[in-house]
Each structure stands twice: as C-alpha cells, then as structure tokens.
Amino acid sequence: MSKSEDDFKEALKGKKIPILTLDNNWHRLFTQTEPTDTIKRLEGELNELLKKQGKMNTETKDIKRLKKKLMDEIVERMNEIGDGTPSKKVEKELEDKKRLINECNDKLDEYGDDLYEIPKQIDEVNYQLMLETMEVCYEQIQENAAEIEEITKWIDEIRVELKKKMVRKEQKTKRNQNYYTYMHNIFGSDVINIFDMKYQVEPLKAPQLKEEKTTEDGNANTGSDQ
C-alpha cells in the first residue's frame, strides 16, 4: 500500500462504513449505473464471508448449547451417584459425555480463530468494495457535472440569442404595424384587402387596425401619427 493510500485509510479510521451488500441503498446505486467486474467480484466475496460468518455463529451457539447440556447431565449423574461407585455402564456414559465435551471445546477453539479472522476479512473486502463503489460513482458524477456545465453554457448562449431574436421580432412587428397603419390611412381597408390577397399576406390581427376618421368633406383626419 502506498503512503497516500495509508493516509487515506488513516483518515477513514473510526468512520462507520456499513456492510454494503446488506444496504438497500447500495444496491439502488447500481440501478443508476452498471457495476464493474471488480464490484461484482467483491460483492460475491463479501456475501460468501457473511454467509460463512452467519453459519459459524449459528453452529457456535448450537455447540455451546450442547456443551452446557452435556455438562448439566454429568453433574446430574454425579449427584445421583453421590459417594457410591458408578457402574461400568454409568462410567462409559460419563466418559462419552466428557469426550463429546472435549470435541465441543476443540470445535469452539477452531471456530474461535475463524470467528476472530472473518470480521477482519469482511471489513477489508467491504473497504475495497467501498473504494471501487466511490470510484464508479464519482466518475459518473464528474462526467455528469461536465455535461451539466456544457448544457448550462449552451442554455446561456441560447438565452442571449433568444433575447436578441425577441427584440428583432418586436421591431419587425412594429414596422409591419406601421406599414398597415399608414397604408390603411392612405388607401382604406377595401383596397388593402385586395392587395393582401394579391401578395398572399395574412392581415395583421393585433393590435386591431383602425382607419383614420375622415372629415365630412372626405379628407383624412391628420393627427399625431403623421
């Protein structure tokens, strides 16, 4: 392990890291992205260690329960004998129980070493799985962040361009309104409607155009629009 990895592991010391394969949120992470082959391998190793630990814990409890039962039976039988001499049958029974107790002790000693080592193995594999998980997730986060920045830049550019286009649109709309206003004032709506049809132009609908009121002598009323 390199010095930087040592420092990194030292910084994480004391931090509670859940057993990842037992955490539903860890599994949900990989509905967002595909797990790597390394993650799949570490997940399998961790699950096997957890299964082994669970099996050994159960068997250890069963062995301790059996040992206690055998010891209780020996004590009970010794109390029954008292100061008397046990028969050969009882002696054999007691020897068998003592042998079974010794076998229980041997098995407990054997399991004791494994039960001491397995949690350390689980922590190490879980730690490696955490590092690989972080590698995958942060790589995705960085890729997404880069794309978000690119999209944000594009949106900002489009927003500026959109504002320019909106201003341009308003200017053009205003000019067309002015054309229609002046032409209606000069030629009247009947003539303008004919030319709208000739040039296949949709009549301007908003704001509603009104012809200038004429005086009684038929002349156009000149106002501030001139």
C-alpha atoms as a PDB file:
ATOM      1  CA  MET A   1       0.000   0.000   0.000  1.00  0.00           C
ATOM      2  CA  SER A   2       1.369   3.435  -0.965  1.00  0.00           C
ATOM      3  CA  LYS A   3       1.835   6.286   1.502  1.00  0.00           C
ATOM      4  CA  SER A   4      -1.149   8.182   0.044  1.00  0.00           C
ATOM      5  CA  GLU A   5      -3.337   5.093   0.450  1.00  0.00           C
ATOM      6  CA  ASP A   6      -2.096   4.738   4.045  1.00  0.00           C
ATOM      7  CA  ASP A   7      -3.016   8.379   4.710  1.00  0.00           C
ATOM      8  CA  PHE A   8      -6.393   7.860   3.082  1.00  0.00           C
ATOM      9  CA  LYS A   9      -7.107   4.777   5.178  1.00  0.00           C
ATOM     10  CA  GLU A  10      -5.937   6.611   8.309  1.00  0.00           C
ATOM     11  CA  ALA A  11      -8.373   9.454   7.561  1.00  0.00           C
ATOM     12  CA  LEU A  12     -11.201   6.924   7.321  1.00  0.00           C
ATOM     13  CA  LYS A  13     -10.272   5.223  10.601  1.00  0.00           C
ATOM     14  CA  GLY A  14     -13.148   5.349  13.049  1.00  0.00           C
ATOM     15  CA  LYS A  15     -15.650   6.200  10.312  1.00  0.00           C
ATOM     16  CA  LYS A  16     -18.562   3.808  10.333  1.00  0.00           C
ATOM     17  CA  ILE A  17     -18.873   2.051   6.985  1.00  0.00           C
ATOM     18  CA  PRO A  18     -21.993  -0.124   6.653  1.00  0.00           C
ATOM     19  CA  ILE A  19     -21.776  -3.606   5.189  1.00  0.00           C
ATOM     20  CA  LEU A  20     -22.561  -2.540   1.631  1.00  0.00           C
ATOM     21  CA  THR A  21     -24.196  -5.687   0.313  1.00  0.00           C
ATOM     22  CA  LEU A  22     -26.666  -5.547   3.225  1.00  0.00           C
ATOM     23  CA  ASP A  23     -27.591  -1.930   2.435  1.00  0.00           C
ATOM     24  CA  ASN A  24     -30.542  -1.497   0.059  1.00  0.00           C
ATOM     25  CA  ASN A  25     -29.322   1.971  -0.917  1.00  0.00           C
ATOM     26  CA  TRP A  26     -26.049   0.458  -2.155  1.00  0.00           C
ATOM     27  CA  HIS A  27     -27.984  -1.876  -4.451  1.00  0.00           C
ATOM     28  CA  ARG A  28     -30.094   1.062  -5.663  1.00  0.00           C
ATOM     29  CA  LEU A  29     -26.901   2.880  -6.670  1.00  0.00           C
ATOM     30  CA  PHE A  30     -26.455   0.321  -9.419  1.00  0.00           C
ATOM     31  CA  THR A  31     -29.867   0.997 -10.887  1.00  0.00           C
ATOM     32  CA  GLN A  32     -28.187   4.261 -11.985  1.00  0.00           C
ATOM     33  CA  THR A  33     -25.039   2.733 -13.465  1.00  0.00           C
ATOM     34  CA  GLU A  34     -23.628  -0.684 -14.332  1.00  0.00           C
ATOM     35  CA  PRO A  35     -21.381  -2.277 -11.660  1.00  0.00           C
ATOM     36  CA  THR A  36     -17.849  -3.117 -12.782  1.00  0.00           C
ATOM     37  CA  ASP A  37     -16.478  -6.661 -12.828  1.00  0.00           C
ATOM     38  CA  THR A  38     -14.406  -5.774  -9.747  1.00  0.00           C
ATOM     39  CA  ILE A  39     -17.524  -4.676  -7.867  1.00  0.00           C
ATOM     40  CA  LYS A  40     -19.308  -7.908  -8.813  1.00  0.00           C
ATOM     41  CA  ARG A  41     -16.306  -9.965  -7.632  1.00  0.00           C
ATOM     42  CA  LEU A  42     -16.009  -8.090  -4.304  1.00  0.00           C
ATOM     43  CA  GLU A  43     -19.768  -8.330  -3.779  1.00  0.00           C
ATOM     44  CA  GLY A  44     -19.552 -12.116  -4.199  1.00  0.00           C
ATOM     45  CA  GLU A  45     -16.588 -12.392  -1.818  1.00  0.00           C
ATOM     46  CA  LEU A  46     -18.308 -10.280   0.817  1.00  0.00           C
ATOM     47  CA  ASN A  47     -21.547 -12.254   0.612  1.00  0.00           C
ATOM     48  CA  GLU A  48     -19.639 -15.532   0.975  1.00  0.00           C
ATOM     49  CA  LEU A  49     -17.811 -14.243   4.063  1.00  0.00           C
ATOM     50  CA  LEU A  50     -21.082 -13.039   5.593  1.00  0.00           C
ATOM     51  CA  LYS A  51     -22.700 -16.403   4.877  1.00  0.00           C
ATOM     52  CA  LYS A  52     -19.728 -18.219   6.442  1.00  0.00           C
ATOM     53  CA  GLN A  53     -19.817 -15.944   9.494  1.00  0.00           C
ATOM     54  CA  GLY A  54     -23.544 -16.467   9.934  1.00  0.00           C
ATOM     55  CA  LYS A  55     -23.216 -20.228   9.651  1.00  0.00           C
ATOM     56  CA  MET A  56     -20.333 -20.338  12.151  1.00  0.00           C
ATOM     57  CA  ASN A  57     -22.163 -18.107  14.633  1.00  0.00           C
ATOM     58  CA  THR A  58     -25.193 -20.390  14.476  1.00  0.00           C
ATOM     59  CA  GLU A  59     -23.070 -23.524  14.853  1.00  0.00           C
ATOM     60  CA  THR A  60     -21.110 -21.964  17.736  1.00  0.00           C
ATOM     61  CA  LYS A  61     -24.356 -21.269  19.600  1.00  0.00           C
ATOM     62  CA  ASP A  62     -25.513 -24.839  18.950  1.00  0.00           C
ATOM     63  CA  ILE A  63     -22.193 -26.266  20.170  1.00  0.00           C
ATOM     64  CA  LYS A  64     -22.247 -24.144  23.336  1.00  0.00           C
ATOM     65  CA  ARG A  65     -25.824 -25.226  23.954  1.00  0.00           C
ATOM     66  CA  LEU A  66     -24.830 -28.899  23.509  1.00  0.00           C
ATOM     67  CA  LYS A  67     -21.784 -28.495  25.763  1.00  0.00           C
ATOM     68  CA  LYS A  68     -23.913 -26.954  28.518  1.00  0.00           C
ATOM     69  CA  LYS A  69     -26.451 -29.775  28.197  1.00  0.00           C
ATOM     70  CA  LEU A  70     -23.687 -32.422  28.457  1.00  0.00           C
ATOM     71  CA  MET A  71     -22.143 -30.722  31.489  1.00  0.00           C
ATOM     72  CA  ASP A  72     -25.527 -30.448  33.184  1.00  0.00           C
ATOM     73  CA  GLU A  73     -26.147 -34.150  32.524  1.00  0.00           C
ATOM     74  CA  ILE A  74     -22.736 -35.089  34.011  1.00  0.00           C
ATOM     75  CA  VAL A  75     -23.416 -33.016  37.136  1.00  0.00           C
ATOM     76  CA  GLU A  76     -26.876 -34.544  37.436  1.00  0.00           C
ATOM     77  CA  ARG A  77     -25.466 -38.082  37.078  1.00  0.00           C
ATOM     78  CA  MET A  78     -22.677 -37.406  39.611  1.00  0.00           C
ATOM     79  CA  ASN A  79     -25.258 -36.137  42.092  1.00  0.00           C
ATOM     80  CA  GLU A  80     -27.244 -39.324  41.600  1.00  0.00           C
ATOM     81  CA  ILE A  81     -24.129 -41.466  42.301  1.00  0.00           C
ATOM     82  CA  GLY A  82     -23.129 -39.427  45.332  1.00  0.00           C
ATOM     83  CA  ASP A  83     -20.333 -41.172  47.265  1.00  0.00           C
ATOM     84  CA  GLY A  84     -21.090 -44.518  45.661  1.00  0.00           C
ATOM     85  CA  THR A  85     -19.151 -46.257  42.933  1.00  0.00           C
ATOM     86  CA  PRO A  86     -20.632 -45.849  39.439  1.00  0.00           C
ATOM     87  CA  SER A  87     -21.416 -48.899  37.395  1.00  0.00           C
ATOM     88  CA  LYS A  88     -19.456 -49.672  34.233  1.00  0.00           C
ATOM     89  CA  LYS A  89     -22.453 -48.517  32.203  1.00  0.00           C
ATOM     90  CA  VAL A  90     -22.554 -45.169  34.003  1.00  0.00           C
ATOM     91  CA  GLU A  91     -18.778 -44.824  33.723  1.00  0.00           C
ATOM     92  CA  LYS A  92     -18.994 -45.345  29.962  1.00  0.00           C
ATOM     93  CA  GLU A  93     -21.846 -42.869  29.736  1.00  0.00           C
ATOM     94  CA  LEU A  94     -19.816 -40.285  31.650  1.00  0.00           C
ATOM     95  CA  GLU A  95     -16.735 -40.930  29.520  1.00  0.00           C
ATOM     96  CA  ASP A  96     -18.790 -40.485  26.327  1.00  0.00           C
ATOM     97  CA  LYS A  97     -20.175 -37.200  27.584  1.00  0.00           C
ATOM     98  CA  LYS A  98     -16.694 -35.982  28.564  1.00  0.00           C
ATOM     99  CA  ARG A  99     -15.416 -36.979  25.116  1.00  0.00           C
ATOM    100  CA  LEU A 100     -18.228 -35.040  23.476  1.00  0.00           C
ATOM    101  CA  ILE A 101     -17.454 -32.042  25.669  1.00  0.00           C
ATOM    102  CA  ASN A 102     -13.798 -32.191  24.571  1.00  0.00           C
ATOM    103  CA  GLU A 103     -14.909 -32.345  20.951  1.00  0.00           C
ATOM    104  CA  CYS A 104     -17.120 -29.304  21.572  1.00  0.00           C
ATOM    105  CA  ASN A 105     -14.143 -27.466  23.063  1.00  0.00           C
ATOM    106  CA  ASP A 106     -11.932 -28.379  20.106  1.00  0.00           C
ATOM    107  CA  LYS A 107     -14.601 -27.166  17.684  1.00  0.00           C
ATOM    108  CA  LEU A 108     -15.095 -23.953  19.640  1.00  0.00           C
ATOM    109  CA  ASP A 109     -11.336 -23.337  19.603  1.00  0.00           C
ATOM    110  CA  GLU A 110     -11.262 -23.936  15.868  1.00  0.00           C
ATOM    111  CA  TYR A 111     -14.236 -21.651  15.294  1.00  0.00           C
ATOM    112  CA  GLY A 112     -12.772 -19.104  17.696  1.00  0.00           C
ATOM    113  CA  ASP A 113      -9.829 -18.433  15.374  1.00  0.00           C
ATOM    114  CA  ASP A 114     -12.073 -18.202  12.315  1.00  0.00           C
ATOM    115  CA  LEU A 115     -14.627 -16.033  14.085  1.00  0.00           C
ATOM    116  CA  TYR A 116     -11.794 -13.691  15.035  1.00  0.00           C
ATOM    117  CA  GLU A 117     -10.387 -13.540  11.492  1.00  0.00           C
ATOM    118  CA  ILE A 118     -13.627 -13.384   9.490  1.00  0.00           C
ATOM    119  CA  PRO A 119     -14.765  -9.933  10.767  1.00  0.00           C
ATOM    120  CA  LYS A 120     -11.367  -8.527   9.750  1.00  0.00           C
ATOM    121  CA  GLN A 121     -11.715 -10.144   6.317  1.00  0.00           C
ATOM    122  CA  ILE A 122     -15.242  -8.750   5.990  1.00  0.00           C
ATOM    123  CA  ASP A 123     -14.025  -5.243   6.900  1.00  0.00           C
ATOM    124  CA  GLU A 124     -11.195  -5.416   4.353  1.00  0.00           C
ATOM    125  CA  VAL A 125     -13.365  -6.668   1.478  1.00  0.00           C
ATOM    126  CA  ASN A 126     -16.082  -4.171   2.428  1.00  0.00           C
ATOM    127  CA  TYR A 127     -13.443  -1.392   2.418  1.00  0.00           C
ATOM    128  CA  GLN A 128     -12.242  -2.397  -1.055  1.00  0.00           C
ATOM    129  CA  LEU A 129     -15.846  -2.538  -2.242  1.00  0.00           C
ATOM    130  CA  MET A 130     -16.408   0.961  -0.870  1.00  0.00           C
ATOM    131  CA  LEU A 131     -13.358   2.298  -2.751  1.00  0.00           C
ATOM    132  CA  GLU A 132     -14.489   0.697  -6.011  1.00  0.00           C
ATOM    133  CA  THR A 133     -18.038   1.990  -5.486  1.00  0.00           C
ATOM    134  CA  MET A 134     -16.748   5.524  -4.869  1.00  0.00           C
ATOM    135  CA  GLU A 135     -14.557   5.280  -7.972  1.00  0.00           C
ATOM    136  CA  VAL A 136     -17.516   4.357 -10.173  1.00  0.00           C
ATOM    137  CA  CYS A 137     -19.935   6.869  -8.648  1.00  0.00           C
ATOM    138  CA  TYR A 138     -17.547   9.832  -8.615  1.00  0.00           C
ATOM    139  CA  GLU A 139     -16.563   9.098 -12.203  1.00  0.00           C
ATOM    140  CA  GLN A 140     -20.249   9.300 -13.152  1.00  0.00           C
ATOM    141  CA  ILE A 141     -20.715  12.454 -11.052  1.00  0.00           C
ATOM    142  CA  GLN A 142     -17.752  14.142 -12.768  1.00  0.00           C
ATOM    143  CA  GLU A 143     -18.983  13.138 -16.228  1.00  0.00           C
ATOM    144  CA  ASN A 144     -22.473  14.426 -15.429  1.00  0.00           C
ATOM    145  CA  ALA A 145     -21.047  17.661 -13.964  1.00  0.00           C
ATOM    146  CA  ALA A 146     -19.049  18.283 -17.151  1.00  0.00           C
ATOM    147  CA  GLU A 147     -22.146  17.720 -19.290  1.00  0.00           C
ATOM    148  CA  ILE A 148     -24.250  19.923 -16.979  1.00  0.00           C
ATOM    149  CA  GLU A 149     -21.677  22.711 -17.378  1.00  0.00           C
ATOM    150  CA  GLU A 150     -21.751  22.293 -21.150  1.00  0.00           C
ATOM    151  CA  ILE A 151     -25.553  22.340 -21.241  1.00  0.00           C
ATOM    152  CA  THR A 152     -25.678  25.370 -18.925  1.00  0.00           C
ATOM    153  CA  LYS A 153     -23.281  27.236 -21.215  1.00  0.00           C
ATOM    154  CA  TRP A 154     -25.433  26.330 -24.223  1.00  0.00           C
ATOM    155  CA  ILE A 155     -28.597  27.485 -22.417  1.00  0.00           C
ATOM    156  CA  ASP A 156     -26.945  30.825 -21.512  1.00  0.00           C
ATOM    157  CA  GLU A 157     -25.886  31.356 -25.125  1.00  0.00           C
ATOM    158  CA  ILE A 158     -29.356  30.452 -26.393  1.00  0.00           C
ATOM    159  CA  ARG A 159     -30.923  32.744 -23.810  1.00  0.00           C
ATOM    160  CA  VAL A 160     -28.854  35.687 -25.081  1.00  0.00           C
ATOM    161  CA  GLU A 161     -29.674  34.778 -28.679  1.00  0.00           C
ATOM    162  CA  LEU A 162     -33.347  34.412 -27.768  1.00  0.00           C
ATOM    163  CA  LYS A 163     -33.430  37.891 -26.242  1.00  0.00           C
ATOM    164  CA  LYS A 164     -31.894  39.316 -29.415  1.00  0.00           C
ATOM    165  CA  LYS A 165     -34.453  37.477 -31.538  1.00  0.00           C
ATOM    166  CA  MET A 166     -37.306  38.714 -29.340  1.00  0.00           C
ATOM    167  CA  VAL A 167     -36.140  42.306 -29.744  1.00  0.00           C
ATOM    168  CA  ARG A 168     -35.781  41.770 -33.502  1.00  0.00           C
ATOM    169  CA  LYS A 169     -39.254  40.239 -33.661  1.00  0.00           C
ATOM    170  CA  GLU A 170     -40.773  43.205 -31.808  1.00  0.00           C
ATOM    171  CA  GLN A 171     -39.025  45.620 -34.153  1.00  0.00           C
ATOM    172  CA  LYS A 172     -40.275  43.818 -37.262  1.00  0.00           C
ATOM    173  CA  THR A 173     -43.793  43.502 -35.832  1.00  0.00           C
ATOM    174  CA  LYS A 174     -43.854  47.215 -35.034  1.00  0.00           C
ATOM    175  CA  ARG A 175     -42.697  48.086 -38.566  1.00  0.00           C
ATOM    176  CA  ASN A 176     -45.425  45.919 -40.136  1.00  0.00           C
ATOM    177  CA  GLN A 177     -47.978  47.579 -37.872  1.00  0.00           C
ATOM    178  CA  ASN A 178     -46.726  50.954 -39.066  1.00  0.00           C
ATOM    179  CA  TYR A 179     -46.928  49.866 -42.732  1.00  0.00           C
ATOM    180  CA  TYR A 180     -50.500  48.705 -42.270  1.00  0.00           C
ATOM    181  CA  THR A 181     -51.491  51.802 -40.322  1.00  0.00           C
ATOM    182  CA  TYR A 182     -50.152  54.185 -42.964  1.00  0.00           C
ATOM    183  CA  MET A 183     -51.482  52.140 -45.911  1.00  0.00           C
ATOM    184  CA  HIS A 184     -54.938  51.872 -44.319  1.00  0.00           C
ATOM    185  CA  ASN A 185     -54.912  55.595 -43.685  1.00  0.00           C
ATOM    186  CA  ILE A 186     -53.922  56.276 -47.287  1.00  0.00           C
ATOM    187  CA  PHE A 187     -55.871  53.671 -49.280  1.00  0.00           C
ATOM    188  CA  GLY A 188     -58.577  52.352 -46.946  1.00  0.00           C
ATOM    189  CA  SER A 189     -59.353  48.769 -45.921  1.00  0.00           C
ATOM    190  CA  ASP A 190     -61.170  47.771 -49.140  1.00  0.00           C
ATOM    191  CA  VAL A 191     -58.108  48.460 -51.274  1.00  0.00           C
ATOM    192  CA  ILE A 192     -55.689  46.966 -48.720  1.00  0.00           C
ATOM    193  CA  ASN A 193     -57.742  43.738 -48.521  1.00  0.00           C
ATOM    194  CA  ILE A 194     -57.375  43.316 -52.300  1.00  0.00           C
ATOM    195  CA  PHE A 195     -53.611  43.732 -52.105  1.00  0.00           C
ATOM    196  CA  ASP A 196     -53.424  41.360 -49.102  1.00  0.00           C
ATOM    197  CA  MET A 197     -54.984  38.702 -51.340  1.00  0.00           C
ATOM    198  CA  LYS A 198     -52.631  39.560 -54.255  1.00  0.00           C
ATOM    199  CA  TYR A 199     -49.484  39.267 -52.113  1.00  0.00           C
ATOM    200  CA  GLN A 200     -50.914  36.387 -50.037  1.00  0.00           C
ATOM    201  CA  VAL A 201     -50.327  38.242 -46.796  1.00  0.00           C
ATOM    202  CA  GLU A 202     -52.299  37.484 -43.652  1.00  0.00           C
ATOM    203  CA  PRO A 203     -53.978  40.675 -42.450  1.00  0.00           C
ATOM    204  CA  LEU A 204     -52.493  41.991 -39.239  1.00  0.00           C
ATOM    205  CA  LYS A 205     -54.858  40.995 -36.425  1.00  0.00           C
ATOM    206  CA  ALA A 206     -53.301  42.524 -33.310  1.00  0.00           C
ATOM    207  CA  PRO A 207     -53.410  45.278 -32.423  1.00  0.00           C
ATOM    208  CA  GLN A 208     -56.652  45.888 -34.339  1.00  0.00           C
ATOM    209  CA  LEU A 209     -56.063  48.420 -37.068  1.00  0.00           C
ATOM    210  CA  LYS A 210     -58.431  51.306 -37.423  1.00  0.00           C
ATOM    211  CA  GLU A 211     -58.655  53.607 -40.347  1.00  0.00           C
ATOM    212  CA  GLU A 212     -58.241  57.287 -39.631  1.00  0.00           C
ATOM    213  CA  LYS A 213     -61.595  59.010 -39.272  1.00  0.00           C
ATOM    214  CA  THR A 214     -62.392  61.226 -42.173  1.00  0.00           C
ATOM    215  CA  THR A 215     -63.952  64.633 -42.002  1.00  0.00           C
ATOM    216  CA  GLU A 216     -67.316  65.384 -43.534  1.00  0.00           C
ATOM    217  CA  ASP A 217     -65.646  66.529 -46.713  1.00  0.00           C
ATOM    218  CA  GLY A 218     -63.935  63.100 -47.130  1.00  0.00           C
ATOM    219  CA  ASN A 219     -60.395  64.251 -46.310  1.00  0.00           C
ATOM    220  CA  ALA A 220     -58.270  62.147 -43.903  1.00  0.00           C
ATOM    221  CA  ASN A 221     -58.037  63.489 -40.418  1.00  0.00           C
ATOM    222  CA  THR A 222     -54.405  64.342 -39.824  1.00  0.00           C
ATOM    223  CA  GLY A 223     -53.190  63.666 -36.319  1.00  0.00           C
ATOM    224  CA  SER A 224     -50.106  62.953 -34.346  1.00  0.00           C
ATOM    225  CA  ASP A 225     -49.372  59.764 -36.413  1.00  0.00           C
ATOM    226  CA  GLN A 226     -48.263  61.870 -39.350  1.00  0.00           C
END
